[in-house]
Amino acid sequence: MGSSRGPRLSGMQKQLLSLYRGFLCAARTKSLEEWHKIESTIASSRTAPSYCRSFTPHKCIHPRTYSTASYHSRAPSVSLSALLQMQRSNIFGSQSVLRNWLHARHISNASVELKTDTDVVRFSLGKPDDINSTSKSQKKKVMSRKAKGNELRFYRLKAKKKMNSPNPEVRIRYKLEKAKRKETWLIEKLRKFDVPKPPPETFDPEILTEEERHYLKRTGEKKKHYVPVGRRGVFGGVVLNMHLHWKNHETVKVICKPCKPGQVHEYAEELARLSKGIVIDIMPNNSIIFYRGKNYVQPKVMSPPDTLSKAKALENYRYDQSLEHTSQFIERLEKELEEYHHHLAKFKKGKEDTAKDAKGLRKLDSAFTGDKCHINQPRAT
């Protein structure tokens, strides 16, 4: 039976190995006095070679992870040439090279933490998983489906209490806060549909005489072809249809329905900018007649890129409509709250007036009863 022990170590090898074990013990016992003892021992040792005198604790600890290699009670046999190679390549701080030199079962990773809470500097050895524990603790806790349902139920009951509150001010304020939250949300949604307008291009519109304008107006009114501008407003498809009509006709009629008062002029300016057409007339029935121009050339891209698509224009209209109704609802609630406060002040003032009147009546009654008693008393003879 062969012995499991390795070859015997020389005196210098034993001394180096004992010094390295002392360094590891100093790291485990969290004391700095052992570091100074090891340094003084190495410095005073005559047999130690010159390369061992540069053995300092900071060279044995990895500069980023502060990890050291800890051995079992039984260390493997080490030769002097191997120790020289370790010192030259800084093997004490590099885990990758150390794993290639020693067997894996003799190595374990340990994180060294520097504590400076008090005046005394201390080192503490922790588990390898302590480094990743902070990142794991920062992860958000995933709520279960039941917990989410319970939370929603709690908020619904809270809202129901406010809605059914006997105090009118609580009910009005709850509706007002909810409407303001919705208004803020709608404004954020509408910001996504803001199209950056390019700088205005300088182009000279053609000068038309009064006779030409009258002729083009009569022509546009008589013809039946038109382009509708509906609830989506002005988007790329409207300009595309105008260019397609201008292939065969000089004029095109644009009918705006539904249209708010004064919104026709905004549509006319926007369409004239996008299509480079000339506005001939704006009729009272919210219709606009456009003229393509004498020197009209059909553009390669008939739908301008700085406009919304058909689907996005409809979505923008819905959010805009909802924002308008929400703003009106907020105004109505604010007016209602103001009237309620006015009613409270008026009721409080009336109550104070009645209290004053009652107090005055009591004084009059007491004075009247006192005079009556004084009259009914018999005179002294």
Protein backbone atom coordinates (compact mmCIF):
# COMPACT_ATOMS: atom_id res chain seq x y z
CA MET A 1 0.00 0.00 0.00
CA GLY A 2 1.45 3.30 -1.05
CA SER A 3 1.29 6.31 1.18
CA SER A 4 -1.12 9.09 0.17
CA ARG A 5 1.28 11.75 1.43
CA GLY A 6 3.47 13.67 -1.00
CA PRO A 7 7.25 14.04 -0.92
CA ARG A 8 8.86 15.59 2.11
CA LEU A 9 9.36 19.37 2.18
CA SER A 10 12.67 21.08 2.84
CA GLY A 11 13.16 23.63 5.63
CA MET A 12 12.71 26.67 3.39
CA GLN A 13 9.58 25.21 1.83
CA LYS A 14 8.08 24.52 5.27
CA GLN A 15 8.82 28.07 6.37
CA LEU A 16 7.16 29.57 3.27
CA LEU A 17 4.12 27.32 3.70
CA SER A 18 3.77 28.26 7.38
CA LEU A 19 3.97 31.95 6.48
CA TYR A 20 1.21 31.53 3.91
CA ARG A 21 -0.97 29.65 6.44
CA GLY A 22 -0.41 32.46 8.94
CA PHE A 23 -1.60 34.97 6.37
CA LEU A 24 -4.81 32.99 5.83
CA CYS A 25 -5.39 32.70 9.60
CA ALA A 26 -4.99 36.46 9.95
CA ALA A 27 -7.63 37.01 7.25
CA ARG A 28 -10.04 34.61 9.01
CA THR A 29 -9.60 36.04 12.52
CA LYS A 30 -10.40 39.62 11.35
CA SER A 31 -7.33 41.15 13.03
CA LEU A 32 -4.67 43.44 11.60
CA GLU A 33 -2.06 42.58 14.23
CA GLU A 34 -1.32 39.26 12.49
CA TRP A 35 -0.49 41.15 9.25
CA HIS A 36 2.21 43.17 11.03
CA LYS A 37 3.57 40.04 12.74
CA ILE A 38 3.93 38.25 9.39
CA GLU A 39 5.63 41.27 7.81
CA SER A 40 8.07 41.61 10.72
CA THR A 41 8.79 37.85 10.65
CA ILE A 42 9.53 37.93 6.93
CA ALA A 43 11.69 41.04 7.26
CA SER A 44 13.73 39.59 10.18
CA SER A 45 14.12 36.18 8.61
CA ARG A 46 17.63 35.60 7.25
CA THR A 47 16.86 32.37 5.48
CA ALA A 48 13.94 33.84 3.57
CA PRO A 49 14.89 34.83 0.04
CA SER A 50 14.65 38.40 -1.23
CA TYR A 51 11.45 37.82 -3.21
CA CYS A 52 9.55 36.82 -0.03
CA ARG A 53 10.19 40.18 1.67
CA SER A 54 7.78 41.85 -0.73
CA PHE A 55 4.96 39.61 0.53
CA THR A 56 2.17 42.05 1.61
CA PRO A 57 -1.50 41.41 2.27
CA HIS A 58 -2.78 43.62 -0.54
CA LYS A 59 -0.88 41.54 -3.10
CA CYS A 60 -2.69 38.39 -2.00
CA ILE A 61 -6.16 39.79 -2.38
CA HIS A 62 -7.84 40.32 -5.71
CA PRO A 63 -8.20 44.09 -6.35
CA ARG A 64 -11.84 43.89 -7.41
CA THR A 65 -13.50 40.91 -5.76
CA TYR A 66 -11.29 40.81 -2.63
CA SER A 67 -11.25 37.02 -2.87
CA THR A 68 -8.55 34.75 -1.49
CA ALA A 69 -7.79 31.07 -1.87
CA SER A 70 -8.31 29.07 1.35
CA TYR A 71 -6.88 25.60 1.79
CA HIS A 72 -7.97 22.56 3.72
CA SER A 73 -6.07 21.38 6.76
CA ARG A 74 -4.00 19.06 4.57
CA ALA A 75 -2.20 21.06 1.89
CA PRO A 76 -0.58 19.41 -1.15
CA SER A 77 3.14 19.17 -1.56
CA VAL A 78 4.73 22.28 -3.05
CA SER A 79 8.16 22.56 -4.62
CA LEU A 80 10.40 25.63 -4.46
CA SER A 81 10.30 26.16 -8.24
CA ALA A 82 6.51 26.18 -8.09
CA LEU A 83 6.56 28.79 -5.30
CA LEU A 84 8.93 30.93 -7.36
CA GLN A 85 6.54 30.71 -10.29
CA MET A 86 3.65 31.68 -7.96
CA GLN A 87 5.47 34.77 -6.69
CA ARG A 88 6.50 35.93 -10.15
CA SER A 89 3.03 35.60 -11.71
CA ASN A 90 1.18 36.85 -8.57
CA ILE A 91 -0.51 33.48 -8.25
CA PHE A 92 -1.98 34.32 -4.85
CA GLY A 93 -4.45 36.83 -6.32
CA SER A 94 -5.31 35.10 -9.59
CA GLN A 95 -7.87 32.34 -9.25
CA SER A 96 -7.69 31.13 -12.87
CA VAL A 97 -3.95 30.26 -12.69
CA LEU A 98 -4.32 28.81 -9.20
CA ARG A 99 -6.99 26.38 -10.36
CA ASN A 100 -4.65 25.12 -13.08
CA TRP A 101 -1.83 24.58 -10.55
CA LEU A 102 -3.77 22.95 -7.71
CA HIS A 103 -6.52 20.37 -7.64
CA ALA A 104 -10.03 21.78 -7.42
CA ARG A 105 -10.87 20.04 -4.12
CA HIS A 106 -8.11 22.00 -2.32
CA ILE A 107 -9.58 25.39 -3.28
CA SER A 108 -12.62 27.34 -2.08
CA ASN A 109 -13.63 30.92 -2.88
CA ALA A 110 -14.22 33.37 -0.03
CA SER A 111 -15.11 37.06 -0.28
CA VAL A 112 -13.16 39.45 1.95
CA GLU A 113 -15.09 42.54 3.10
CA LEU A 114 -13.43 45.68 4.49
CA LYS A 115 -15.43 47.28 7.34
CA THR A 116 -14.68 50.89 8.32
CA ASP A 117 -17.75 51.65 10.45
CA THR A 118 -15.66 52.31 13.57
CA ASP A 119 -12.14 53.63 14.05
CA VAL A 120 -10.75 50.08 13.83
CA VAL A 121 -10.38 48.64 10.31
CA ARG A 122 -11.61 45.02 10.14
CA PHE A 123 -11.77 42.31 7.51
CA SER A 124 -14.59 39.77 7.36
CA LEU A 125 -14.76 36.58 5.31
CA GLY A 126 -18.14 35.75 3.82
CA LYS A 127 -19.69 33.18 1.57
CA PRO A 128 -19.15 33.38 -2.19
CA ASP A 129 -22.84 34.11 -2.72
CA ASP A 130 -22.66 37.30 -0.59
CA ILE A 131 -21.45 39.31 -3.59
CA ASN A 132 -24.54 38.49 -5.65
CA SER A 133 -26.97 38.78 -2.72
CA THR A 134 -27.38 42.56 -3.21
CA SER A 135 -28.40 42.16 -6.84
CA LYS A 136 -30.88 39.43 -5.90
CA SER A 137 -32.41 41.53 -3.13
CA GLN A 138 -32.96 44.45 -5.52
CA LYS A 139 -35.30 42.42 -7.72
CA LYS A 140 -38.94 43.38 -7.46
CA LYS A 141 -41.25 40.96 -5.78
CA VAL A 142 -43.68 39.46 -8.25
CA MET A 143 -47.19 39.66 -6.87
CA SER A 144 -49.41 36.65 -7.23
CA ARG A 145 -52.73 36.78 -9.01
CA LYS A 146 -54.63 36.56 -5.74
CA ALA A 147 -52.63 39.44 -4.21
CA LYS A 148 -53.34 41.63 -7.22
CA GLY A 149 -57.05 40.83 -6.95
CA ASN A 150 -57.07 41.70 -3.26
CA GLU A 151 -55.32 44.99 -3.93
CA LEU A 152 -57.80 45.93 -6.66
CA ARG A 153 -60.70 44.97 -4.39
CA PHE A 154 -59.31 47.24 -1.66
CA TYR A 155 -59.10 50.23 -4.02
CA ARG A 156 -62.62 49.56 -5.35
CA LEU A 157 -64.06 49.50 -1.83
CA LYS A 158 -62.20 52.69 -0.99
CA ALA A 159 -63.60 54.42 -4.08
CA LYS A 160 -67.09 53.10 -3.34
CA LYS A 161 -66.98 54.63 0.15
CA LYS A 162 -66.08 58.01 -1.30
CA MET A 163 -68.79 57.77 -3.96
CA ASN A 164 -71.48 56.90 -1.40
CA SER A 165 -70.27 59.35 1.24
CA PRO A 166 -73.01 61.44 2.93
CA ASN A 167 -70.80 64.52 2.58
CA PRO A 168 -71.30 66.11 -0.88
CA GLU A 169 -67.84 67.72 -0.81
CA VAL A 170 -66.13 64.29 -0.52
CA ARG A 171 -68.07 62.98 -3.53
CA ILE A 172 -67.32 66.05 -5.66
CA ARG A 173 -63.62 66.06 -4.77
CA TYR A 174 -63.27 62.35 -5.57
CA LYS A 175 -64.79 62.87 -9.04
CA LEU A 176 -62.62 65.94 -9.59
CA GLU A 177 -59.38 64.12 -8.70
CA LYS A 178 -60.29 61.21 -10.94
CA ALA A 179 -61.09 63.54 -13.85
CA LYS A 180 -57.81 65.43 -13.42
CA ARG A 181 -55.84 62.17 -13.45
CA LYS A 182 -57.58 61.21 -16.68
CA GLU A 183 -56.86 64.62 -18.18
CA THR A 184 -53.13 64.26 -17.43
CA TRP A 185 -53.11 60.77 -18.95
CA LEU A 186 -54.85 61.99 -22.12
CA ILE A 187 -52.39 64.87 -22.54
CA GLU A 188 -49.49 62.40 -22.31
CA LYS A 189 -51.15 60.21 -24.93
CA LEU A 190 -51.74 63.12 -27.30
CA ARG A 191 -48.07 64.11 -27.14
CA LYS A 192 -47.21 60.95 -29.06
CA PHE A 193 -49.17 62.21 -32.07
CA ASP A 194 -47.47 65.62 -32.26
CA VAL A 195 -45.84 65.77 -35.67
CA PRO A 196 -42.84 68.11 -35.90
CA LYS A 197 -43.61 70.71 -38.53
CA PRO A 198 -40.78 71.43 -40.99
CA PRO A 199 -39.70 75.03 -41.58
CA PRO A 200 -42.03 76.79 -44.04
CA GLU A 201 -40.83 76.63 -47.63
CA THR A 202 -40.68 79.87 -49.52
CA PHE A 203 -42.73 79.57 -52.71
CA ASP A 204 -44.46 82.29 -54.72
CA PRO A 205 -48.18 81.61 -55.20
CA GLU A 206 -49.48 82.43 -58.62
CA ILE A 207 -51.25 85.75 -58.99
CA LEU A 208 -54.81 85.26 -60.20
CA THR A 209 -57.07 88.00 -61.51
CA GLU A 210 -60.65 88.49 -60.34
CA GLU A 211 -62.02 86.98 -63.57
CA GLU A 212 -59.88 83.86 -63.14
CA ARG A 213 -60.93 83.48 -59.53
CA HIS A 214 -64.60 83.86 -60.45
CA TYR A 215 -64.26 81.27 -63.23
CA LEU A 216 -62.46 78.76 -61.00
CA LYS A 217 -65.00 79.27 -58.22
CA ARG A 218 -67.95 78.59 -60.57
CA THR A 219 -66.15 75.55 -61.99
CA GLY A 220 -65.41 74.11 -58.55
CA GLU A 221 -69.02 74.64 -57.38
CA LYS A 222 -70.56 72.94 -60.44
CA LYS A 223 -68.38 69.83 -60.44
CA LYS A 224 -69.45 66.91 -58.25
CA HIS A 225 -66.05 65.48 -57.30
CA TYR A 226 -64.87 66.31 -53.78
CA VAL A 227 -62.54 65.21 -51.01
CA PRO A 228 -64.05 64.65 -47.54
CA VAL A 229 -62.34 65.76 -44.32
CA GLY A 230 -64.06 63.86 -41.53
CA ARG A 231 -63.44 63.39 -37.85
CA ARG A 232 -59.82 62.35 -38.45
CA GLY A 233 -59.01 65.86 -39.65
CA VAL A 234 -56.13 66.57 -42.00
CA PHE A 235 -53.81 63.59 -42.54
CA GLY A 236 -51.78 62.13 -45.39
CA GLY A 237 -54.72 60.47 -47.14
CA VAL A 238 -56.55 63.79 -47.69
CA VAL A 239 -53.54 65.35 -49.46
CA LEU A 240 -53.10 62.16 -51.53
CA ASN A 241 -56.73 62.34 -52.73
CA MET A 242 -56.33 66.01 -53.68
CA HIS A 243 -53.31 65.17 -55.89
CA LEU A 244 -55.22 62.29 -57.47
CA HIS A 245 -58.13 64.64 -58.34
CA TRP A 246 -55.71 67.21 -59.75
CA LYS A 247 -54.61 64.67 -62.35
CA ASN A 248 -57.84 65.27 -64.31
CA HIS A 249 -59.25 68.51 -62.89
CA GLU A 250 -57.86 71.95 -62.17
CA THR A 251 -59.97 72.46 -59.06
CA VAL A 252 -61.08 70.24 -56.21
CA LYS A 253 -63.68 70.76 -53.52
CA VAL A 254 -62.86 69.82 -49.90
CA ILE A 255 -65.89 69.28 -47.64
CA CYS A 256 -65.25 69.42 -43.88
CA LYS A 257 -67.83 67.54 -41.79
CA PRO A 258 -68.01 67.58 -38.78
CA CYS A 259 -66.38 70.94 -38.30
CA LYS A 260 -66.31 73.33 -35.34
CA PRO A 261 -66.89 77.06 -35.86
CA GLY A 262 -63.74 78.63 -37.27
CA GLN A 263 -62.01 75.29 -37.87
CA VAL A 264 -62.48 75.53 -41.66
CA HIS A 265 -59.89 78.28 -41.93
CA GLU A 266 -57.37 76.12 -40.03
CA TYR A 267 -58.02 73.23 -42.41
CA ALA A 268 -57.59 75.57 -45.41
CA GLU A 269 -54.18 76.83 -44.19
CA GLU A 270 -52.95 73.32 -43.37
CA LEU A 271 -54.03 71.83 -46.70
CA ALA A 272 -52.56 74.77 -48.65
CA ARG A 273 -49.21 74.22 -46.87
CA LEU A 274 -49.15 70.46 -47.48
CA SER A 275 -50.48 70.35 -51.04
CA LYS A 276 -49.00 73.66 -52.33
CA GLY A 277 -52.44 74.52 -53.75
CA ILE A 278 -54.22 77.88 -53.88
CA VAL A 279 -57.37 78.55 -51.85
CA ILE A 280 -60.02 80.01 -54.18
CA ASP A 281 -62.99 80.31 -51.81
CA ILE A 282 -64.30 79.15 -48.43
CA MET A 283 -68.05 78.64 -48.61
CA PRO A 284 -70.51 78.91 -45.68
CA ASN A 285 -71.32 75.19 -45.78
CA ASN A 286 -67.73 74.40 -44.63
CA SER A 287 -66.46 73.68 -48.16
CA ILE A 288 -63.11 74.84 -49.55
CA ILE A 289 -62.24 75.12 -53.26
CA PHE A 290 -58.56 74.56 -54.13
CA TYR A 291 -56.80 75.33 -57.37
CA ARG A 292 -53.74 73.27 -58.35
CA GLY A 293 -51.93 76.14 -60.14
CA LYS A 294 -50.91 76.84 -63.72
CA ASN A 295 -47.46 75.28 -63.38
CA TYR A 296 -48.59 72.23 -61.40
CA VAL A 297 -46.26 69.23 -61.35
CA GLN A 298 -47.35 66.09 -59.55
CA PRO A 299 -44.88 65.24 -56.74
CA LYS A 300 -43.28 61.82 -56.51
CA VAL A 301 -44.48 61.36 -52.93
CA MET A 302 -48.09 62.54 -52.92
CA SER A 303 -48.69 61.75 -49.24
CA PRO A 304 -46.45 64.05 -47.13
CA PRO A 305 -44.20 62.20 -44.67
CA ASP A 306 -44.80 64.72 -41.86
CA THR A 307 -48.48 63.73 -41.46
CA LEU A 308 -50.33 61.04 -39.51
CA SER A 309 -51.61 57.81 -41.01
CA LYS A 310 -55.31 56.98 -41.19
CA ALA A 311 -55.30 54.76 -38.08
CA LYS A 312 -53.21 57.18 -36.00
CA ALA A 313 -55.38 60.11 -37.06
CA LEU A 314 -58.48 58.27 -35.80
CA GLU A 315 -56.76 57.43 -32.50
CA ASN A 316 -55.68 61.05 -32.12
CA TYR A 317 -59.27 62.19 -32.71
CA ARG A 318 -60.59 59.84 -30.02
CA TYR A 319 -58.09 61.04 -27.43
CA ASP A 320 -58.77 64.66 -28.38
CA GLN A 321 -62.52 64.15 -28.06
CA SER A 322 -62.11 62.46 -24.69
CA LEU A 323 -59.86 65.29 -23.48
CA GLU A 324 -62.44 67.87 -24.51
CA HIS A 325 -65.26 66.11 -22.63
CA THR A 326 -63.03 65.60 -19.58
CA SER A 327 -62.12 69.30 -19.50
CA GLN A 328 -65.81 70.24 -19.65
CA PHE A 329 -66.58 67.77 -16.86
CA ILE A 330 -63.79 69.26 -14.70
CA GLU A 331 -65.17 72.78 -15.24
CA ARG A 332 -68.63 71.63 -14.24
CA LEU A 333 -67.32 69.92 -11.08
CA GLU A 334 -65.29 72.96 -10.07
CA LYS A 335 -68.36 75.16 -10.53
CA GLU A 336 -70.44 72.72 -8.48
CA LEU A 337 -67.84 72.70 -5.69
CA GLU A 338 -67.75 76.48 -5.67
CA GLU A 339 -71.55 76.64 -5.43
CA TYR A 340 -71.48 74.15 -2.56
CA HIS A 341 -68.95 76.28 -0.63
CA HIS A 342 -71.07 79.37 -1.34
CA HIS A 343 -74.14 77.55 -0.06
CA LEU A 344 -72.27 76.49 3.11
CA ALA A 345 -71.13 80.06 3.77
CA LYS A 346 -74.66 81.38 3.19
CA PHE A 347 -76.19 78.72 5.46
CA LYS A 348 -73.62 79.46 8.17
CA LYS A 349 -74.31 83.18 7.92
CA GLY A 350 -78.10 82.60 8.13
CA LYS A 351 -77.58 80.37 11.15
CA GLU A 352 -75.54 83.06 12.89
CA ASP A 353 -78.20 85.68 12.08
CA THR A 354 -80.97 83.51 13.52
CA ALA A 355 -78.86 82.92 16.65
CA LYS A 356 -78.38 86.67 17.05
CA ASP A 357 -82.11 87.31 16.54
CA ALA A 358 -83.01 84.63 19.09
CA LYS A 359 -80.54 86.15 21.56
CA GLY A 360 -82.06 89.60 21.06
CA LEU A 361 -85.57 88.24 21.56
CA ARG A 362 -84.52 86.58 24.78
CA LYS A 363 -83.13 89.86 26.06
CA LEU A 364 -86.37 91.66 25.17
CA ASP A 365 -88.45 88.98 26.88
CA SER A 366 -86.33 89.14 30.02
CA ALA A 367 -86.56 92.93 30.09
CA PHE A 368 -90.31 92.85 29.51
CA THR A 369 -90.93 90.28 32.25
CA GLY A 370 -88.77 92.28 34.69
CA ASP A 371 -90.76 95.48 34.05
CA LYS A 372 -94.05 93.61 34.48
CA CYS A 373 -92.98 92.19 37.84
CA HIS A 374 -91.90 95.65 38.97
CA ILE A 375 -95.33 97.11 38.05
CA ASN A 376 -97.35 94.39 39.83
CA GLN A 377 -95.49 94.85 43.17
CA PRO A 378 -97.57 96.73 45.91
CA ARG A 379 -96.34 100.14 46.99
CA ALA A 380 -94.91 100.45 50.52
CA THR A 381 -96.91 102.74 52.88
